[in-house]
Amino acid sequence: MKKITKVYTRRGDQGQTSLVGGQRVSKASVRLESYGTVDELSSHLGLLASMLPEGEVKEMIQRIQNNLFNVCTNLATDQEQTPLYPSAYLPEGEIERLEKEVDTIMKMLPEKQGFILPGGTKEAAQAHVCRTVCRRAERRIVELSITTKISSEVLQYINRLSDYLFVLAKKLNFIAGQSEKLWKNACD
């Protein structure tokens, strides 16, 4: 791996940055908003991982963070001008892995009806923050896909990831013995 020797380049001082392939675009573009939000999600996941003990859940979070680098590479590539690097593709089976994790967690959780208020333990609350940032990333990616070619696996992965983060929050509360708060409709 090449060592980073310089962090600043001054090339972005005028509000532009380079995509994979070298094309210059505005930092205000929906493309940058898309992969910037995915990067934000990865940072929130890092905070969540720092709260978790060593084990399968923490390993899964770190695996997701690695996959999000692939997603960012995909989103940072204008596929009409630059072919995707191999690092822009998710490893095979990652969408199915998320689905399997969701199914496994759902089987262990007690059945509850109604909408839950995000919260509970610090870890579960952080998982909910991750979920909402993931949903925002999905909205930005959908917006980008209206005008730009986006690999279908990217949207599928981000959509499944938000589902995983929702059930993960529930699991973290369940394991801690923390009851979830149900939304109480003022009209009830």
Protein backbone atom coordinates (compact mmCIF):
# COMPACT_ATOMS: atom_id res chain seq x y z
CA MET A 1 0.00 0.00 0.00
CA LYS A 2 1.30 3.44 -0.91
CA LYS A 3 2.00 5.80 1.98
CA ILE A 4 0.11 9.10 2.00
CA THR A 5 2.78 11.78 2.22
CA LYS A 6 0.65 14.86 1.73
CA VAL A 7 -2.93 15.46 2.84
CA TYR A 8 -3.61 18.79 1.17
CA THR A 9 -3.24 19.47 -2.56
CA ARG A 10 -4.89 22.90 -2.86
CA ARG A 11 -6.68 21.59 -5.97
CA GLY A 12 -10.04 21.74 -4.19
CA ASP A 13 -9.73 25.29 -2.93
CA GLN A 14 -12.10 26.59 -5.61
CA GLY A 15 -14.89 24.12 -4.75
CA GLN A 16 -14.02 21.38 -7.24
CA THR A 17 -12.66 17.88 -6.76
CA SER A 18 -11.60 14.96 -8.94
CA LEU A 19 -13.57 11.80 -9.54
CA VAL A 20 -12.01 8.42 -10.20
CA GLY A 21 -10.64 8.90 -13.71
CA GLY A 22 -9.70 12.53 -13.15
CA GLN A 23 -12.88 14.40 -14.15
CA ARG A 24 -13.33 17.60 -12.15
CA VAL A 25 -16.73 18.25 -10.58
CA SER A 26 -18.27 20.67 -8.11
CA LYS A 27 -18.11 19.67 -4.47
CA ALA A 28 -21.80 20.60 -4.37
CA SER A 29 -22.75 17.93 -6.91
CA VAL A 30 -25.23 15.19 -6.07
CA ARG A 31 -22.48 12.65 -6.81
CA LEU A 32 -20.31 14.06 -4.04
CA GLU A 33 -23.30 14.35 -1.74
CA SER A 34 -23.96 10.65 -2.40
CA TYR A 35 -20.56 9.28 -1.59
CA GLY A 36 -19.98 11.90 1.10
CA THR A 37 -23.07 10.64 2.90
CA VAL A 38 -21.82 7.06 2.57
CA ASP A 39 -18.52 8.24 4.08
CA GLU A 40 -20.46 9.89 6.91
CA LEU A 41 -22.28 6.60 7.48
CA SER A 42 -18.96 4.77 7.71
CA SER A 43 -17.79 7.26 10.34
CA HIS A 44 -20.95 6.70 12.39
CA LEU A 45 -20.43 2.95 12.04
CA GLY A 46 -16.89 3.43 13.35
CA LEU A 47 -18.32 5.13 16.42
CA LEU A 48 -20.77 2.25 16.87
CA ALA A 49 -17.95 -0.30 16.51
CA SER A 50 -15.94 1.55 19.19
CA MET A 51 -18.84 1.00 21.61
CA LEU A 52 -19.08 -2.74 20.97
CA PRO A 53 -17.13 -5.57 22.55
CA GLU A 54 -14.97 -7.76 20.32
CA GLY A 55 -17.11 -10.33 18.57
CA GLU A 56 -19.34 -11.08 15.61
CA VAL A 57 -21.33 -7.84 15.64
CA LYS A 58 -18.22 -5.67 15.73
CA GLU A 59 -16.64 -7.76 12.97
CA MET A 60 -19.80 -7.34 10.89
CA ILE A 61 -19.73 -3.56 11.34
CA GLN A 62 -16.10 -3.46 10.23
CA ARG A 63 -16.92 -5.66 7.23
CA ILE A 64 -19.68 -3.20 6.30
CA GLN A 65 -17.25 -0.29 6.58
CA ASN A 66 -14.93 -2.05 4.13
CA ASN A 67 -17.83 -2.62 1.76
CA LEU A 68 -18.77 1.05 1.99
CA PHE A 69 -15.34 1.94 0.57
CA ASN A 70 -16.30 -0.13 -2.49
CA VAL A 71 -19.62 1.73 -2.67
CA CYS A 72 -17.83 5.09 -2.49
CA THR A 73 -15.44 4.07 -5.28
CA ASN A 74 -18.43 3.07 -7.38
CA LEU A 75 -20.20 6.36 -6.74
CA ALA A 76 -17.01 8.37 -7.37
CA THR A 77 -16.70 6.88 -10.85
CA ASP A 78 -18.52 8.41 -13.81
CA GLN A 79 -19.17 5.10 -15.54
CA GLU A 80 -19.94 6.84 -18.82
CA GLN A 81 -16.35 8.14 -18.94
CA THR A 82 -14.32 5.74 -16.80
CA PRO A 83 -14.60 1.96 -16.42
CA LEU A 84 -15.15 0.77 -12.86
CA TYR A 85 -12.05 -0.38 -10.99
CA PRO A 86 -12.34 -3.86 -9.44
CA SER A 87 -12.44 -2.11 -6.04
CA ALA A 88 -15.74 -0.48 -7.04
CA TYR A 89 -17.58 -3.80 -6.88
CA LEU A 90 -18.87 -5.36 -3.70
CA PRO A 91 -17.46 -8.77 -2.88
CA GLU A 92 -19.80 -11.48 -4.07
CA GLY A 93 -22.56 -12.43 -1.65
CA GLU A 94 -22.54 -9.30 0.52
CA ILE A 95 -26.21 -8.42 -0.13
CA GLU A 96 -27.20 -11.97 0.72
CA ARG A 97 -25.02 -11.82 3.87
CA LEU A 98 -26.99 -8.78 5.08
CA GLU A 99 -30.29 -10.53 4.33
CA LYS A 100 -29.16 -13.60 6.27
CA GLU A 101 -28.13 -11.43 9.24
CA VAL A 102 -31.51 -9.65 9.21
CA ASP A 103 -33.35 -12.99 9.13
CA THR A 104 -31.23 -14.40 11.95
CA ILE A 105 -31.78 -11.36 14.17
CA MET A 106 -35.53 -11.29 13.48
CA LYS A 107 -35.84 -14.90 14.66
CA MET A 108 -34.30 -14.05 18.04
CA LEU A 109 -36.42 -10.94 18.71
CA PRO A 110 -39.78 -11.00 20.47
CA GLU A 111 -42.69 -9.90 18.29
CA LYS A 112 -43.71 -6.30 18.98
CA GLN A 113 -46.33 -4.27 17.22
CA GLY A 114 -46.11 -0.57 16.50
CA PHE A 115 -43.48 1.98 15.64
CA ILE A 116 -40.54 2.27 17.99
CA LEU A 117 -38.83 5.44 19.10
CA PRO A 118 -35.09 5.30 18.35
CA GLY A 119 -33.11 4.96 21.54
CA GLY A 120 -32.44 2.51 24.31
CA THR A 121 -28.81 1.76 25.00
CA LYS A 122 -26.08 4.05 23.64
CA GLU A 123 -25.14 1.32 21.17
CA ALA A 124 -28.71 0.84 19.94
CA ALA A 125 -29.24 4.59 19.68
CA GLN A 126 -26.05 4.86 17.61
CA ALA A 127 -27.27 2.01 15.37
CA HIS A 128 -30.43 4.06 14.78
CA VAL A 129 -28.31 7.10 13.87
CA CYS A 130 -26.45 4.87 11.40
CA ARG A 131 -29.78 3.67 10.00
CA THR A 132 -31.04 7.20 9.37
CA VAL A 133 -27.78 8.30 7.75
CA CYS A 134 -27.97 5.15 5.61
CA ARG A 135 -31.49 6.09 4.49
CA ARG A 136 -30.27 9.58 3.59
CA ALA A 137 -27.41 8.05 1.59
CA GLU A 138 -29.96 5.90 -0.22
CA ARG A 139 -32.04 8.97 -1.12
CA ARG A 140 -28.95 10.76 -2.46
CA ILE A 141 -27.93 7.69 -4.50
CA VAL A 142 -31.44 7.37 -5.94
CA GLU A 143 -31.30 11.05 -6.90
CA LEU A 144 -27.92 10.49 -8.58
CA SER A 145 -29.23 7.42 -10.42
CA ILE A 146 -31.85 9.57 -12.18
CA THR A 147 -29.17 11.21 -14.29
CA THR A 148 -26.17 8.89 -13.96
CA LYS A 149 -25.44 5.20 -14.36
CA ILE A 150 -25.13 3.58 -10.93
CA SER A 151 -24.48 -0.11 -10.38
CA SER A 152 -27.69 -1.79 -9.21
CA GLU A 153 -25.83 -3.62 -6.44
CA VAL A 154 -25.05 -0.28 -4.78
CA LEU A 155 -28.71 0.60 -4.23
CA GLN A 156 -29.55 -2.95 -3.17
CA TYR A 157 -26.72 -3.03 -0.66
CA ILE A 158 -27.56 0.34 0.89
CA ASN A 159 -31.25 -0.61 1.11
CA ARG A 160 -30.47 -3.92 2.87
CA LEU A 161 -27.95 -2.18 5.10
CA SER A 162 -30.58 0.17 6.51
CA ASP A 163 -32.76 -2.88 7.27
CA TYR A 164 -29.83 -4.55 9.00
CA LEU A 165 -29.11 -1.46 11.08
CA PHE A 166 -32.76 -1.29 12.17
CA VAL A 167 -32.81 -4.87 13.42
CA LEU A 168 -29.32 -4.50 14.87
CA ALA A 169 -30.57 -1.64 17.07
CA LYS A 170 -33.43 -3.86 18.22
CA LYS A 171 -30.99 -6.72 18.91
CA LEU A 172 -28.64 -4.53 20.92
CA ASN A 173 -31.53 -3.37 23.10
CA PHE A 174 -32.83 -6.92 23.47
CA ILE A 175 -29.43 -8.30 24.53
CA ALA A 176 -29.06 -5.49 27.09
CA GLY A 177 -32.57 -6.15 28.45
CA GLN A 178 -33.58 -2.63 27.42
CA SER A 179 -37.26 -2.24 26.53
CA GLU A 180 -38.02 -0.27 23.41
CA LYS A 181 -40.35 2.66 23.63
CA LEU A 182 -43.35 2.47 21.33
CA TRP A 183 -44.67 5.55 19.62
CA LYS A 184 -47.85 6.73 21.27
CA ASN A 185 -50.07 8.44 18.75
CA ALA A 186 -51.69 11.50 20.32
CA CYS A 187 -54.91 10.50 18.56
CA ASP A 188 -55.07 7.14 20.40
